Amino acid sequence: MTPFGYGISGAMLRFGYHVHRSYAPHGRGDFIKKKDKKMKYWEIGEKNKFEIECYKLHLKLPYGDEKDKVVAGFVRDENENNKYICVSDELNIDYDTFIADSVEDAKKQVEGMLLDHWKEQIVYLEDCIDLLQNGKE
């Protein structure tokens, strides 16, 4: 059994298992516009066995394929209203808990985790570039 209910694994959460309603950035259900270069939206997925909805963050990443990518997802813990469980291949998280005051706060925290992760990657790559350009042989 997973925190997302019977038969709904983290992988299913990440890859869009039975979505019953979604929120688009434009509010009309038109998820993808051809002219949009970057896109972000949160999707509300199927409720688990505890009748708790899961939330998935979709991004259309630059230089990727044409489809958007689910970069993170979370669900509220069934026992504690301010505890949330996060999964994300991008962050290499299979199951991590965090505290948030609301679903909106949880969304902001997940987005913040992604931003911090990508900023750390930038610093690492800049250090690698500096080492190659200025390092001694």
N, C-alpha and C. Protein backbone atom coordinates (compact mmCIF):
# COMPACT_ATOMS: atom_id res chain seq x y z
N MET A 1 0.85 -1.18 0.00
CA MET A 1 0.00 0.00 0.00
C MET A 1 0.90 1.24 0.00
N THR A 2 0.52 2.22 -0.78
CA THR A 2 1.27 3.47 -0.85
C THR A 2 0.48 4.58 -0.19
N PRO A 3 1.12 5.74 0.08
CA PRO A 3 0.36 6.84 0.68
C PRO A 3 -0.70 7.41 -0.26
N PHE A 4 -0.65 7.00 -1.52
CA PHE A 4 -1.60 7.52 -2.50
C PHE A 4 -2.79 6.59 -2.67
N GLY A 5 -2.87 5.53 -1.88
CA GLY A 5 -3.99 4.62 -1.95
C GLY A 5 -3.63 3.33 -2.65
N TYR A 6 -4.50 2.37 -2.57
CA TYR A 6 -4.23 1.08 -3.20
C TYR A 6 -4.05 1.23 -4.69
N GLY A 7 -2.98 0.66 -5.21
CA GLY A 7 -2.76 0.62 -6.65
C GLY A 7 -2.27 1.92 -7.26
N ILE A 8 -2.13 2.98 -6.51
CA ILE A 8 -1.65 4.23 -7.08
C ILE A 8 -0.26 4.49 -6.52
N SER A 9 0.74 4.16 -7.30
CA SER A 9 2.11 4.33 -6.85
C SER A 9 2.60 5.73 -7.18
N GLY A 10 3.78 6.06 -6.68
CA GLY A 10 4.40 7.34 -7.00
C GLY A 10 4.60 7.50 -8.50
N ALA A 11 4.95 6.39 -9.18
CA ALA A 11 5.13 6.46 -10.63
C ALA A 11 3.82 6.81 -11.32
N MET A 12 2.72 6.22 -10.85
CA MET A 12 1.43 6.55 -11.46
C MET A 12 1.07 8.00 -11.21
N LEU A 13 1.39 8.49 -10.03
CA LEU A 13 1.14 9.90 -9.72
C LEU A 13 1.93 10.78 -10.67
N ARG A 14 3.21 10.42 -10.88
CA ARG A 14 4.06 11.24 -11.74
C ARG A 14 3.64 11.18 -13.20
N PHE A 15 3.02 10.09 -13.63
CA PHE A 15 2.71 9.95 -15.04
C PHE A 15 1.23 10.06 -15.35
N GLY A 16 0.45 10.63 -14.47
CA GLY A 16 -0.92 11.03 -14.81
C GLY A 16 -1.95 9.94 -14.75
N TYR A 17 -2.07 9.23 -13.68
CA TYR A 17 -3.04 8.16 -13.53
C TYR A 17 -4.44 8.72 -13.33
N HIS A 18 -5.34 8.44 -14.24
CA HIS A 18 -6.77 8.77 -14.14
C HIS A 18 -7.06 10.16 -13.58
N VAL A 19 -6.79 11.15 -14.34
CA VAL A 19 -7.05 12.51 -13.89
C VAL A 19 -8.53 12.81 -14.07
N HIS A 20 -9.15 13.34 -13.01
CA HIS A 20 -10.58 13.64 -13.15
C HIS A 20 -10.85 15.11 -13.33
N ARG A 21 -9.88 16.00 -12.99
CA ARG A 21 -10.04 17.41 -13.31
C ARG A 21 -8.67 18.06 -13.22
N SER A 22 -8.52 19.13 -13.93
CA SER A 22 -7.22 19.79 -13.98
C SER A 22 -7.40 21.29 -14.01
N TYR A 23 -6.34 21.98 -13.64
CA TYR A 23 -6.32 23.41 -13.73
C TYR A 23 -5.30 23.84 -14.76
N ALA A 24 -5.72 24.60 -15.73
CA ALA A 24 -4.81 25.09 -16.75
C ALA A 24 -4.38 26.51 -16.41
N PRO A 25 -3.24 26.95 -16.94
CA PRO A 25 -2.78 28.29 -16.62
C PRO A 25 -3.71 29.38 -17.13
N HIS A 26 -4.53 29.04 -18.12
CA HIS A 26 -5.42 30.04 -18.70
C HIS A 26 -6.85 29.92 -18.19
N GLY A 27 -7.10 28.91 -17.34
CA GLY A 27 -8.40 28.77 -16.70
C GLY A 27 -9.50 28.23 -17.58
N ARG A 28 -9.20 27.84 -18.81
CA ARG A 28 -10.24 27.37 -19.72
C ARG A 28 -10.03 25.91 -20.11
N GLY A 29 -9.02 25.25 -19.54
CA GLY A 29 -8.77 23.86 -19.90
C GLY A 29 -7.88 23.71 -21.11
N ASP A 30 -7.41 24.81 -21.70
CA ASP A 30 -6.52 24.70 -22.86
C ASP A 30 -5.07 24.64 -22.35
N PHE A 31 -4.62 23.42 -22.12
CA PHE A 31 -3.33 23.22 -21.46
C PHE A 31 -2.15 23.69 -22.31
N ILE A 32 -2.18 23.42 -23.58
CA ILE A 32 -1.01 23.71 -24.40
C ILE A 32 -1.41 24.63 -25.55
N LYS A 33 -0.72 25.72 -25.61
CA LYS A 33 -0.87 26.60 -26.75
C LYS A 33 0.42 26.50 -27.54
N LYS A 34 0.31 26.38 -28.85
CA LYS A 34 1.47 26.15 -29.70
C LYS A 34 2.53 27.22 -29.54
N LYS A 35 2.14 28.46 -29.32
CA LYS A 35 3.11 29.55 -29.27
C LYS A 35 3.82 29.64 -27.91
N ASP A 36 3.31 28.97 -26.88
CA ASP A 36 3.92 29.03 -25.57
C ASP A 36 5.25 28.30 -25.58
N LYS A 37 6.32 28.99 -25.18
CA LYS A 37 7.64 28.38 -25.11
C LYS A 37 7.81 27.64 -23.79
N LYS A 38 7.33 28.23 -22.70
CA LYS A 38 7.42 27.62 -21.38
C LYS A 38 6.03 27.58 -20.79
N MET A 39 5.79 26.56 -20.01
CA MET A 39 4.47 26.46 -19.43
C MET A 39 4.55 25.72 -18.10
N LYS A 40 3.76 26.14 -17.14
CA LYS A 40 3.67 25.50 -15.84
C LYS A 40 2.20 25.46 -15.45
N TYR A 41 1.78 24.31 -14.94
CA TYR A 41 0.46 24.25 -14.34
C TYR A 41 0.39 23.10 -13.34
N TRP A 42 -0.46 23.27 -12.37
CA TRP A 42 -0.73 22.24 -11.37
C TRP A 42 -1.97 21.48 -11.78
N GLU A 43 -1.94 20.19 -11.68
CA GLU A 43 -3.06 19.32 -12.02
C GLU A 43 -3.53 18.64 -10.74
N ILE A 44 -4.82 18.53 -10.57
CA ILE A 44 -5.36 17.77 -9.46
C ILE A 44 -5.71 16.38 -9.99
N GLY A 45 -5.08 15.38 -9.41
CA GLY A 45 -5.28 14.01 -9.85
C GLY A 45 -6.38 13.31 -9.08
N GLU A 46 -6.49 12.04 -9.34
CA GLU A 46 -7.51 11.21 -8.71
C GLU A 46 -7.34 11.16 -7.20
N LYS A 47 -8.45 11.08 -6.50
CA LYS A 47 -8.40 10.94 -5.03
C LYS A 47 -7.93 9.53 -4.67
N ASN A 48 -7.19 9.46 -3.57
CA ASN A 48 -6.75 8.15 -3.11
C ASN A 48 -7.84 7.50 -2.25
N LYS A 49 -7.50 6.37 -1.63
CA LYS A 49 -8.52 5.64 -0.86
C LYS A 49 -9.01 6.42 0.36
N PHE A 50 -8.26 7.45 0.77
CA PHE A 50 -8.67 8.29 1.90
C PHE A 50 -9.43 9.53 1.43
N GLU A 51 -9.79 9.54 0.13
CA GLU A 51 -10.51 10.67 -0.49
C GLU A 51 -9.69 11.96 -0.46
N ILE A 52 -8.37 11.83 -0.59
CA ILE A 52 -7.46 12.98 -0.61
C ILE A 52 -6.89 13.09 -2.02
N GLU A 53 -6.97 14.29 -2.58
CA GLU A 53 -6.49 14.51 -3.94
C GLU A 53 -4.98 14.63 -3.97
N CYS A 54 -4.39 14.20 -5.08
CA CYS A 54 -2.96 14.40 -5.29
C CYS A 54 -2.79 15.58 -6.24
N TYR A 55 -1.64 16.23 -6.16
CA TYR A 55 -1.35 17.41 -6.97
C TYR A 55 -0.07 17.16 -7.74
N LYS A 56 -0.07 17.48 -9.04
CA LYS A 56 1.08 17.23 -9.90
C LYS A 56 1.48 18.52 -10.60
N LEU A 57 2.76 18.83 -10.56
CA LEU A 57 3.29 20.01 -11.23
C LEU A 57 3.81 19.62 -12.61
N HIS A 58 3.21 20.21 -13.64
CA HIS A 58 3.62 19.98 -15.02
C HIS A 58 4.44 21.17 -15.51
N LEU A 59 5.53 20.87 -16.20
CA LEU A 59 6.33 21.91 -16.85
C LEU A 59 6.60 21.51 -18.28
N LYS A 60 6.56 22.47 -19.15
CA LYS A 60 7.06 22.26 -20.52
C LYS A 60 8.47 22.80 -20.49
N LEU A 61 9.44 21.88 -20.40
CA LEU A 61 10.83 22.26 -20.24
C LEU A 61 11.43 22.72 -21.57
N PRO A 62 12.33 23.69 -21.54
CA PRO A 62 13.00 24.12 -22.77
C PRO A 62 13.90 22.99 -23.28
N TYR A 63 14.03 22.92 -24.57
CA TYR A 63 14.90 21.94 -25.23
C TYR A 63 14.47 20.51 -25.00
N GLY A 64 13.25 20.31 -24.58
CA GLY A 64 12.74 18.96 -24.38
C GLY A 64 11.84 18.58 -25.54
N ASP A 65 11.17 17.48 -25.38
CA ASP A 65 10.20 17.10 -26.40
C ASP A 65 8.97 17.99 -26.28
N GLU A 66 8.05 17.79 -27.16
CA GLU A 66 6.89 18.67 -27.24
C GLU A 66 5.93 18.51 -26.05
N LYS A 67 5.97 17.37 -25.39
CA LYS A 67 5.05 17.14 -24.28
C LYS A 67 5.54 17.83 -23.02
N ASP A 68 4.60 18.14 -22.14
CA ASP A 68 4.99 18.65 -20.83
C ASP A 68 5.45 17.48 -19.97
N LYS A 69 6.08 17.80 -18.86
CA LYS A 69 6.66 16.79 -17.98
C LYS A 69 6.16 17.02 -16.56
N VAL A 70 5.76 15.95 -15.89
CA VAL A 70 5.41 16.05 -14.48
C VAL A 70 6.72 16.02 -13.71
N VAL A 71 7.08 17.13 -13.07
CA VAL A 71 8.37 17.23 -12.38
C VAL A 71 8.26 16.95 -10.88
N ALA A 72 7.06 17.03 -10.32
CA ALA A 72 6.87 16.75 -8.90
C ALA A 72 5.39 16.55 -8.62
N GLY A 73 5.12 15.86 -7.53
CA GLY A 73 3.75 15.67 -7.10
C GLY A 73 3.71 15.53 -5.59
N PHE A 74 2.55 15.79 -5.02
CA PHE A 74 2.39 15.62 -3.57
C PHE A 74 0.96 15.30 -3.23
N VAL A 75 0.80 14.76 -2.03
CA VAL A 75 -0.52 14.44 -1.49
C VAL A 75 -0.47 14.78 0.00
N ARG A 76 -1.60 15.20 0.54
CA ARG A 76 -1.68 15.47 1.98
C ARG A 76 -1.72 14.15 2.72
N ASP A 77 -1.02 14.08 3.83
CA ASP A 77 -1.02 12.89 4.67
C ASP A 77 -2.43 12.67 5.23
N GLU A 78 -2.86 11.42 5.27
CA GLU A 78 -4.23 11.14 5.72
C GLU A 78 -4.42 11.34 7.22
N ASN A 79 -3.33 11.36 7.99
CA ASN A 79 -3.44 11.49 9.45
C ASN A 79 -3.18 12.90 9.97
N GLU A 80 -2.41 13.68 9.24
CA GLU A 80 -2.05 15.02 9.69
C GLU A 80 -2.36 16.03 8.58
N ASN A 81 -3.21 17.00 8.86
CA ASN A 81 -3.65 17.95 7.83
C ASN A 81 -2.56 18.87 7.32
N ASN A 82 -1.50 19.10 8.10
CA ASN A 82 -0.46 20.02 7.64
C ASN A 82 0.79 19.28 7.18
N LYS A 83 0.72 17.97 7.05
CA LYS A 83 1.86 17.16 6.58
C LYS A 83 1.57 16.69 5.15
N TYR A 84 2.56 16.83 4.28
CA TYR A 84 2.40 16.46 2.88
C TYR A 84 3.52 15.50 2.48
N ILE A 85 3.23 14.65 1.49
CA ILE A 85 4.19 13.67 0.99
C ILE A 85 4.50 14.02 -0.46
N CYS A 86 5.79 14.16 -0.77
CA CYS A 86 6.24 14.60 -2.09
C CYS A 86 6.97 13.47 -2.80
N VAL A 87 6.78 13.37 -4.11
CA VAL A 87 7.55 12.49 -4.99
C VAL A 87 8.02 13.31 -6.18
N SER A 88 9.26 13.03 -6.64
CA SER A 88 9.79 13.77 -7.78
C SER A 88 11.02 13.07 -8.34
N ASP A 89 10.96 12.68 -9.61
CA ASP A 89 12.15 12.15 -10.28
C ASP A 89 13.18 13.25 -10.44
N GLU A 90 12.73 14.44 -10.73
CA GLU A 90 13.63 15.58 -10.94
C GLU A 90 14.47 15.86 -9.70
N LEU A 91 13.86 15.73 -8.53
CA LEU A 91 14.56 15.96 -7.26
C LEU A 91 15.13 14.67 -6.67
N ASN A 92 14.90 13.56 -7.36
CA ASN A 92 15.33 12.24 -6.88
C ASN A 92 14.69 11.92 -5.52
N ILE A 93 13.40 12.19 -5.43
CA ILE A 93 12.63 11.94 -4.20
C ILE A 93 11.57 10.88 -4.50
N ASP A 94 11.65 9.76 -3.80
CA ASP A 94 10.62 8.73 -3.91
C ASP A 94 9.52 8.92 -2.88
N TYR A 95 9.88 9.48 -1.73
CA TYR A 95 8.91 9.68 -0.65
C TYR A 95 9.58 10.62 0.35
N ASP A 96 9.08 11.82 0.44
CA ASP A 96 9.63 12.79 1.39
C ASP A 96 8.46 13.58 1.97
N THR A 97 8.53 13.86 3.26
CA THR A 97 7.45 14.60 3.90
C THR A 97 7.89 16.03 4.19
N PHE A 98 6.93 16.93 4.21
CA PHE A 98 7.17 18.32 4.58
C PHE A 98 5.90 18.89 5.19
N ILE A 99 6.05 20.00 5.88
CA ILE A 99 4.94 20.65 6.58
C ILE A 99 4.53 21.90 5.80
N ALA A 100 3.23 22.08 5.63
CA ALA A 100 2.70 23.27 4.95
C ALA A 100 1.36 23.64 5.57
N ASP A 101 1.05 24.94 5.53
CA ASP A 101 -0.20 25.42 6.12
C ASP A 101 -1.42 25.15 5.26
N SER A 102 -1.21 25.01 3.94
CA SER A 102 -2.31 24.81 3.01
C SER A 102 -1.77 24.16 1.74
N VAL A 103 -2.68 23.80 0.86
CA VAL A 103 -2.28 23.24 -0.43
C VAL A 103 -1.48 24.28 -1.22
N GLU A 104 -1.93 25.53 -1.19
CA GLU A 104 -1.20 26.59 -1.91
C GLU A 104 0.21 26.76 -1.36
N ASP A 105 0.36 26.69 -0.04
CA ASP A 105 1.68 26.77 0.58
C ASP A 105 2.53 25.56 0.18
N ALA A 106 1.92 24.38 0.12
CA ALA A 106 2.64 23.17 -0.30
C ALA A 106 3.13 23.31 -1.74
N LYS A 107 2.29 23.87 -2.62
CA LYS A 107 2.70 24.09 -4.01
C LYS A 107 3.92 25.01 -4.07
N LYS A 108 3.88 26.09 -3.30
CA LYS A 108 5.00 27.04 -3.28
C LYS A 108 6.27 26.36 -2.77
N GLN A 109 6.13 25.52 -1.75
CA GLN A 109 7.30 24.84 -1.21
C GLN A 109 7.91 23.87 -2.22
N VAL A 110 7.06 23.14 -2.94
CA VAL A 110 7.56 22.20 -3.95
C VAL A 110 8.26 22.98 -5.07
N GLU A 111 7.66 24.07 -5.51
CA GLU A 111 8.30 24.89 -6.53
C GLU A 111 9.63 25.45 -6.02
N GLY A 112 9.68 25.83 -4.74
CA GLY A 112 10.91 26.33 -4.13
C GLY A 112 11.99 25.26 -4.08
N MET A 113 11.59 24.01 -3.77
CA MET A 113 12.56 22.91 -3.77
C MET A 113 13.16 22.71 -5.16
N LEU A 114 12.31 22.80 -6.18
CA LEU A 114 12.81 22.66 -7.55
C LEU A 114 13.76 23.80 -7.92
N LEU A 115 13.38 25.02 -7.57
CA LEU A 115 14.24 26.17 -7.86
C LEU A 115 15.59 26.04 -7.17
N ASP A 116 15.58 25.67 -5.90
CA ASP A 116 16.84 25.48 -5.17
C ASP A 116 17.70 24.40 -5.82
N HIS A 117 17.07 23.31 -6.21
CA HIS A 117 17.79 22.21 -6.85
C HIS A 117 18.45 22.67 -8.15
N TRP A 118 17.69 23.38 -8.99
CA TRP A 118 18.25 23.82 -10.27
C TRP A 118 19.32 24.89 -10.07
N LYS A 119 19.16 25.76 -9.08
CA LYS A 119 20.19 26.76 -8.79
C LYS A 119 21.48 26.08 -8.33
N GLU A 120 21.37 25.03 -7.52
CA GLU A 120 22.55 24.28 -7.10
C GLU A 120 23.23 23.62 -8.30
N GLN A 121 22.43 23.12 -9.25
CA GLN A 121 23.01 22.53 -10.46
C GLN A 121 23.77 23.58 -11.26
N ILE A 122 23.24 24.80 -11.33
CA ILE A 122 23.91 25.88 -12.05
C ILE A 122 25.26 26.18 -11.41
N VAL A 123 25.29 26.29 -10.09
CA VAL A 123 26.55 26.56 -9.39
C VAL A 123 27.55 25.45 -9.66
N TYR A 124 27.10 24.22 -9.60
CA TYR A 124 27.98 23.07 -9.86
C TYR A 124 28.56 23.15 -11.28
N LEU A 125 27.70 23.40 -12.25
CA LEU A 125 28.18 23.47 -13.64
C LEU A 125 29.11 24.66 -13.86
N GLU A 126 28.83 25.79 -13.22
CA GLU A 126 29.73 26.94 -13.32
C GLU A 126 31.10 26.61 -12.72
N ASP A 127 31.12 25.87 -11.61
CA ASP A 127 32.38 25.44 -11.01
C ASP A 127 33.14 24.50 -11.95
N CYS A 128 32.42 23.60 -12.62
CA CYS A 128 33.06 22.70 -13.59
C CYS A 128 33.66 23.48 -14.75
N ILE A 129 32.92 24.44 -15.26
CA ILE A 129 33.41 25.28 -16.36
C ILE A 129 34.65 26.06 -15.92
N ASP A 130 34.59 26.64 -14.72
CA ASP A 130 35.73 27.38 -14.20
C ASP A 130 36.96 26.48 -14.04
N LEU A 131 36.75 25.29 -13.56
CA LEU A 131 37.86 24.34 -13.39
C LEU A 131 38.49 24.00 -14.72
N LEU A 132 37.67 23.76 -15.73
CA LEU A 132 38.20 23.46 -17.05
C LEU A 132 38.91 24.64 -17.69
N GLN A 133 38.36 25.83 -17.53
CA GLN A 133 38.95 27.01 -18.16
C GLN A 133 40.17 27.52 -17.41
N ASN A 134 40.19 27.43 -16.10
CA ASN A 134 41.25 28.05 -15.31
C ASN A 134 42.10 27.05 -14.54
N GLY A 135 41.79 25.78 -14.63
CA GLY A 135 42.52 24.78 -13.88
C GLY A 135 43.91 24.54 -14.47
N LYS A 136 44.80 24.09 -13.61
CA LYS A 136 46.16 23.79 -14.05
C LYS A 136 46.21 22.37 -14.55
N GLU A 137 47.06 22.16 -15.55
CA GLU A 137 47.23 20.81 -16.10
C GLU A 137 48.31 20.07 -15.37
